[in-house]
Amino acid sequence: MADKRKVRKAVFPVAGLGTRFLPATKAVPKEMLTVVDKPVIQYVVDEALEAGIEHLIFVTGRSKAVIEDYFDIQVELEQTLRQRNKTAELTLLESILPVAGSTSFTRQQEPLGLGHAVWCARDLVGNEPFALLLPDMIMKAPKACLAGMVELYEHDGGNVVAVEECAPDQAHKYGIVGVGREVGNGHRITQMVEKPAPGTAPSNFFINGRYILQPEIFSILATQERGAGNEIQLTDAMLKLLQEQPFAAYHFRGETYDCGSKDGFILANVAFALARADIRPTVEGPLQKILDGLKEK
């Protein structure tokens, strides 16, 4: 029987430099850039909490202390809000504050890749399964991606990777999985290929930045040689673990926005703004006017 211990912990690798957003990220971590009125990292944390995660583990780097501050009480701010009877704002701040003792932070001293960032969380995760959420990717769907993955995990155990479909001729841009028989609300993964050569991909299902992994991944990462980009690649470690443990693919059906890219970040702001009843009436018309103006040029 595959391991089905409860997934209580989630790892967020937030040590990246955000060079694609310079100069904005010179002083502000890319994870703290806002989509409408919330930092990108808040959307990802909300997804984890919705899926039942109890302990949030952030793998940070230098200049990322503001993330730790964000998930803490801001005494001066809250005192000022109370003095001004800003009860709605106080309630909002209270709603995003994690339970005391439910957040941990550790440092990735060198930018050695995603696999290395995950390995840095080994002592905080311990010997139990954990979720891994890439903080650049925020998702929009009736059911949160990680919640669906947890359902599959509780049915099948093992390891779970979220996937989406891309155009077959675009598969060479992504990490692609081969899929086999159905298991629960997903499929068994038969193989994984990082950026396959054009025309050689086993499917058009690409990995979208959400994982549930067993702790045995840490011992593999501990001795993992550097791969593409001279970094320790998580996919390489998962390929080794696939030889020993089952992997399942959860097919996420929704919208994913890569907020690590400028176009994805802009599209996320537009999509989440238009989904807000308090914002859509005032921005939909001006946005349409901008689009119409571009068509006339």
Protein backbone atom coordinates (compact mmCIF):
# COMPACT_ATOMS: atom_id res chain seq x y z
CA MET A 1 0.00 0.00 0.00
CA ALA A 2 1.40 3.40 -0.97
CA ASP A 3 2.14 5.86 1.80
CA LYS A 4 -0.94 7.97 2.59
CA ARG A 5 0.19 9.93 5.62
CA LYS A 6 -1.56 13.30 5.80
CA VAL A 7 0.07 16.13 3.90
CA ARG A 8 0.51 18.74 6.63
CA LYS A 9 3.45 20.82 5.39
CA ALA A 10 4.05 22.92 2.30
CA VAL A 11 7.35 24.26 0.98
CA PHE A 12 7.59 27.58 -0.87
CA PRO A 13 10.94 28.26 -2.62
CA VAL A 14 11.15 32.06 -2.51
CA ALA A 15 14.90 32.64 -2.81
CA GLY A 16 14.89 33.65 -6.49
CA LEU A 17 16.32 37.02 -7.49
CA GLY A 18 13.47 38.08 -9.79
CA THR A 19 15.83 39.45 -12.43
CA ARG A 20 13.07 39.50 -15.05
CA PHE A 21 11.35 42.26 -13.07
CA LEU A 22 14.29 44.57 -12.49
CA PRO A 23 14.41 47.35 -11.43
CA ALA A 24 11.21 46.71 -9.42
CA THR A 25 12.75 43.71 -7.66
CA LYS A 26 15.96 45.49 -6.72
CA ALA A 27 14.44 46.26 -3.30
CA VAL A 28 11.12 44.34 -3.35
CA PRO A 29 11.02 40.52 -3.60
CA LYS A 30 9.17 39.36 -6.70
CA GLU A 31 6.86 37.32 -4.45
CA MET A 32 5.69 40.58 -2.85
CA LEU A 33 4.63 42.22 -6.10
CA THR A 34 0.87 42.67 -5.97
CA VAL A 35 -1.83 41.14 -8.11
CA VAL A 36 -4.65 43.66 -7.57
CA ASP A 37 -4.24 44.19 -3.81
CA LYS A 38 -2.50 41.04 -2.55
CA PRO A 39 1.11 39.92 -2.94
CA VAL A 40 1.64 37.00 -5.29
CA ILE A 41 2.81 34.85 -2.38
CA GLN A 42 -0.50 35.39 -0.56
CA TYR A 43 -2.44 33.73 -3.39
CA VAL A 44 -0.18 30.68 -3.24
CA VAL A 45 -0.36 30.46 0.56
CA ASP A 46 -4.16 30.74 0.40
CA GLU A 47 -4.21 27.79 -2.01
CA ALA A 48 -2.15 25.74 0.42
CA LEU A 49 -4.34 26.59 3.41
CA GLU A 50 -7.48 25.77 1.44
CA ALA A 51 -6.04 22.31 0.83
CA GLY A 52 -5.58 21.72 4.56
CA ILE A 53 -1.89 22.58 4.93
CA GLU A 54 -0.98 23.29 8.56
CA HIS A 55 2.68 24.34 8.38
CA LEU A 56 4.16 26.81 5.86
CA ILE A 57 7.88 26.48 5.12
CA PHE A 58 9.61 29.26 3.17
CA VAL A 59 13.05 28.73 1.63
CA THR A 60 14.37 32.27 1.41
CA GLY A 61 17.50 34.15 0.42
CA ARG A 62 19.17 37.43 1.21
CA SER A 63 16.92 40.51 0.93
CA LYS A 64 13.79 38.39 1.48
CA ALA A 65 13.16 39.37 5.12
CA VAL A 66 10.12 41.38 4.07
CA ILE A 67 8.31 38.09 3.34
CA GLU A 68 8.83 37.01 6.94
CA ASP A 69 7.64 40.42 8.13
CA TYR A 70 4.54 40.16 5.95
CA PHE A 71 3.41 37.01 7.74
CA ASP A 72 3.87 38.62 11.15
CA ILE A 73 1.97 41.18 13.23
CA GLN A 74 2.67 44.82 12.31
CA VAL A 75 2.22 46.45 15.71
CA GLU A 76 2.48 50.12 14.69
CA LEU A 77 0.16 49.66 11.71
CA GLU A 78 -2.47 47.86 13.75
CA GLN A 79 -2.33 50.44 16.54
CA THR A 80 -2.88 53.22 14.02
CA LEU A 81 -5.80 51.41 12.44
CA ARG A 82 -7.43 50.91 15.85
CA GLN A 83 -6.99 54.57 16.71
CA ARG A 84 -8.72 55.48 13.45
CA ASN A 85 -11.48 52.87 13.87
CA LYS A 86 -10.47 51.10 10.64
CA THR A 87 -12.18 47.87 11.62
CA ALA A 88 -12.48 46.48 8.09
CA GLU A 89 -8.75 46.86 7.51
CA LEU A 90 -7.97 45.27 10.89
CA THR A 91 -10.21 42.32 10.09
CA LEU A 92 -8.45 41.90 6.76
CA LEU A 93 -5.02 41.82 8.40
CA GLU A 94 -6.21 39.30 10.97
CA SER A 95 -7.59 37.05 8.23
CA ILE A 96 -4.20 36.66 6.52
CA LEU A 97 -2.16 36.17 9.69
CA PRO A 98 -1.02 32.53 10.01
CA VAL A 99 -1.58 30.68 13.26
CA ALA A 100 1.30 31.30 15.68
CA GLY A 101 4.07 28.77 15.15
CA SER A 102 2.77 27.59 11.77
CA THR A 103 5.41 29.32 9.62
CA SER A 104 9.11 28.48 9.31
CA PHE A 105 11.91 30.10 7.33
CA THR A 106 15.24 28.70 6.19
CA ARG A 107 17.96 30.09 3.94
CA GLN A 108 19.19 28.87 0.57
CA GLN A 109 22.59 30.55 0.65
CA GLU A 110 23.38 29.90 -3.02
CA PRO A 111 21.11 29.88 -6.10
CA LEU A 112 21.74 26.23 -6.97
CA GLY A 113 18.33 25.39 -8.42
CA LEU A 114 14.90 24.19 -7.36
CA GLY A 115 16.15 20.81 -6.25
CA HIS A 116 18.64 22.45 -3.90
CA ALA A 117 15.95 24.78 -2.53
CA VAL A 118 13.74 21.79 -1.73
CA TRP A 119 16.67 19.99 -0.07
CA CYS A 120 17.23 23.04 2.16
CA ALA A 121 13.81 22.37 3.74
CA ARG A 122 14.63 18.77 4.68
CA ASP A 123 14.93 19.25 8.46
CA LEU A 124 11.78 21.35 8.66
CA VAL A 125 9.76 18.83 6.65
CA GLY A 126 11.14 15.78 8.43
CA ASN A 127 10.11 12.25 7.51
CA GLU A 128 6.67 12.97 6.10
CA PRO A 129 5.07 13.79 2.74
CA PHE A 130 4.89 17.45 1.80
CA ALA A 131 3.48 19.81 -0.79
CA LEU A 132 5.71 21.98 -2.94
CA LEU A 133 4.23 25.12 -4.51
CA LEU A 134 6.22 27.32 -6.88
CA PRO A 135 5.37 30.87 -5.79
CA ASP A 136 5.49 32.38 -9.29
CA MET A 137 2.47 30.37 -10.39
CA ILE A 138 -0.97 31.51 -9.25
CA MET A 139 -4.07 29.67 -10.33
CA LYS A 140 -7.72 30.42 -10.84
CA ALA A 141 -10.37 27.70 -10.84
CA PRO A 142 -13.54 26.66 -8.97
CA LYS A 143 -11.44 24.05 -7.12
CA ALA A 144 -7.93 25.02 -6.05
CA CYS A 145 -5.20 22.96 -7.70
CA LEU A 146 -3.60 21.67 -4.51
CA ALA A 147 -6.98 20.69 -3.04
CA GLY A 148 -7.59 18.45 -6.05
CA MET A 149 -4.11 17.00 -5.71
CA VAL A 150 -4.71 16.17 -2.05
CA GLU A 151 -7.87 14.28 -3.04
CA LEU A 152 -5.83 12.23 -5.52
CA TYR A 153 -3.11 11.65 -2.95
CA GLU A 154 -5.62 10.44 -0.37
CA HIS A 155 -6.95 7.95 -2.93
CA ASP A 156 -3.63 6.74 -4.34
CA GLY A 157 -0.82 7.77 -1.98
CA GLY A 158 2.69 8.02 -3.39
CA ASN A 159 3.68 11.23 -5.17
CA VAL A 160 1.42 13.59 -7.11
CA VAL A 161 2.34 16.14 -9.78
CA ALA A 162 -0.13 18.66 -11.21
CA VAL A 163 -0.21 18.91 -15.00
CA GLU A 164 -1.94 20.91 -17.68
CA GLU A 165 -2.26 20.45 -21.43
CA CYS A 166 -0.30 22.49 -23.95
CA ALA A 167 -0.32 22.49 -27.73
CA PRO A 168 1.69 19.44 -28.87
CA ASP A 169 4.09 21.63 -30.84
CA GLN A 170 4.89 23.56 -27.64
CA ALA A 171 5.77 20.52 -25.51
CA HIS A 172 9.51 21.06 -26.02
CA LYS A 173 9.29 24.15 -23.79
CA TYR A 174 8.15 22.30 -20.66
CA GLY A 175 8.72 19.40 -18.32
CA ILE A 176 6.45 16.73 -19.80
CA VAL A 177 5.01 13.56 -18.25
CA GLY A 178 3.90 10.36 -19.91
CA VAL A 179 0.53 9.17 -18.60
CA GLY A 180 -0.87 5.67 -18.17
CA ARG A 181 -3.94 4.17 -16.53
CA GLU A 182 -6.46 6.19 -14.53
CA VAL A 183 -6.04 6.40 -10.75
CA GLY A 184 -8.65 8.31 -8.77
CA ASN A 185 -9.08 11.72 -10.36
CA GLY A 186 -5.78 11.44 -12.24
CA HIS A 187 -3.45 9.13 -14.16
CA ARG A 188 -0.37 7.10 -13.36
CA ILE A 189 2.82 8.79 -14.55
CA THR A 190 4.99 6.51 -16.67
CA GLN A 191 7.87 8.86 -17.45
CA MET A 192 9.08 12.45 -17.10
CA VAL A 193 11.11 14.40 -19.64
CA GLU A 194 12.50 17.90 -19.16
CA LYS A 195 12.07 19.95 -22.37
CA PRO A 196 11.99 17.03 -24.82
CA ALA A 197 13.30 17.53 -28.33
CA PRO A 198 10.55 18.63 -30.76
CA GLY A 199 8.45 15.67 -31.85
CA THR A 200 9.67 13.32 -29.10
CA ALA A 201 7.40 14.26 -26.17
CA PRO A 202 5.48 11.33 -24.63
CA SER A 203 2.38 13.53 -24.25
CA ASN A 204 1.31 17.18 -24.14
CA PHE A 205 0.84 17.19 -20.35
CA PHE A 206 3.27 19.62 -18.73
CA ILE A 207 4.18 20.06 -15.05
CA ASN A 208 2.65 23.32 -13.78
CA GLY A 209 4.44 23.99 -10.49
CA ARG A 210 2.51 21.99 -7.88
CA TYR A 211 3.79 18.77 -6.29
CA ILE A 212 3.13 16.37 -3.42
CA LEU A 213 6.33 14.47 -2.67
CA GLN A 214 7.45 11.76 -0.30
CA PRO A 215 10.41 12.52 2.02
CA GLU A 216 12.64 10.01 0.22
CA ILE A 217 13.24 12.77 -2.34
CA PHE A 218 15.61 14.41 0.16
CA SER A 219 18.13 11.55 0.21
CA ILE A 220 18.18 11.61 -3.59
CA LEU A 221 18.69 15.38 -3.69
CA ALA A 222 21.52 15.10 -1.15
CA THR A 223 23.71 13.37 -3.75
CA GLN A 224 22.08 14.72 -6.90
CA GLU A 225 24.60 15.92 -9.47
CA ARG A 226 24.08 19.27 -11.14
CA GLY A 227 22.09 19.14 -14.34
CA ALA A 228 20.75 21.74 -16.77
CA GLY A 229 21.96 25.26 -16.06
CA ASN A 230 24.58 23.81 -13.69
CA GLU A 231 21.82 23.56 -11.07
CA ILE A 232 20.40 20.72 -8.99
CA GLN A 233 17.23 19.87 -10.89
CA LEU A 234 14.16 18.57 -9.07
CA THR A 235 12.99 16.71 -12.19
CA ASP A 236 16.20 14.63 -12.19
CA ALA A 237 15.55 13.60 -8.59
CA MET A 238 11.90 12.80 -9.32
CA LEU A 239 13.00 10.54 -12.19
CA LYS A 240 15.08 8.52 -9.73
CA LEU A 241 12.24 8.39 -7.21
CA LEU A 242 9.88 7.24 -9.99
CA GLN A 243 11.91 4.03 -10.17
CA GLU A 244 11.03 3.27 -6.54
CA GLN A 245 7.64 4.89 -5.86
CA PRO A 246 4.47 5.59 -7.86
CA PHE A 247 3.75 9.03 -9.27
CA ALA A 248 0.31 10.24 -10.33
CA ALA A 249 -0.67 13.20 -12.50
CA TYR A 250 -3.51 15.47 -11.41
CA HIS A 251 -5.00 17.21 -14.46
CA PHE A 252 -5.64 20.79 -13.37
CA ARG A 253 -8.43 22.44 -15.33
CA GLY A 254 -8.28 26.16 -14.79
CA GLU A 255 -6.17 29.19 -15.55
CA THR A 256 -2.53 29.43 -14.50
CA TYR A 257 -0.62 32.70 -14.56
CA ASP A 258 3.16 32.72 -14.48
CA CYS A 259 3.80 35.81 -12.41
CA GLY A 260 7.51 35.35 -12.87
CA SER A 261 7.06 36.71 -16.39
CA LYS A 262 5.85 40.20 -17.25
CA ASP A 263 3.04 39.06 -19.54
CA GLY A 264 1.78 36.48 -17.03
CA PHE A 265 1.89 39.04 -14.23
CA ILE A 266 -0.11 41.58 -16.24
CA LEU A 267 -2.68 38.96 -17.31
CA ALA A 268 -3.08 37.85 -13.69
CA ASN A 269 -3.83 41.41 -12.61
CA VAL A 270 -6.42 41.81 -15.35
CA ALA A 271 -8.07 38.44 -14.70
CA PHE A 272 -8.29 38.80 -10.93
CA ALA A 273 -9.45 42.42 -11.18
CA LEU A 274 -12.26 41.50 -13.57
CA ALA A 275 -13.32 38.70 -11.23
CA ARG A 276 -13.87 41.21 -8.41
CA ALA A 277 -17.39 42.64 -8.14
CA ASP A 278 -16.01 45.78 -6.47
CA ILE A 279 -13.50 46.46 -9.25
CA ARG A 280 -14.91 45.14 -12.52
CA PRO A 281 -17.52 47.89 -13.04
CA THR A 282 -14.85 50.60 -12.95
CA VAL A 283 -12.12 48.90 -14.98
CA GLU A 284 -13.93 46.82 -17.60
CA GLY A 285 -14.98 49.80 -19.71
CA PRO A 286 -11.59 51.55 -19.68
CA LEU A 287 -9.84 48.26 -20.51
CA GLN A 288 -12.14 47.71 -23.47
CA LYS A 289 -11.50 51.27 -24.61
CA ILE A 290 -7.74 50.65 -24.50
CA LEU A 291 -8.16 47.47 -26.58
CA ASP A 292 -10.41 49.21 -29.08
CA GLY A 293 -7.87 52.01 -29.39
CA LEU A 294 -5.13 49.52 -30.19
CA LYS A 295 -7.24 47.96 -32.94
CA GLU A 296 -7.62 51.33 -34.61
CA LYS A 297 -3.85 51.85 -34.85
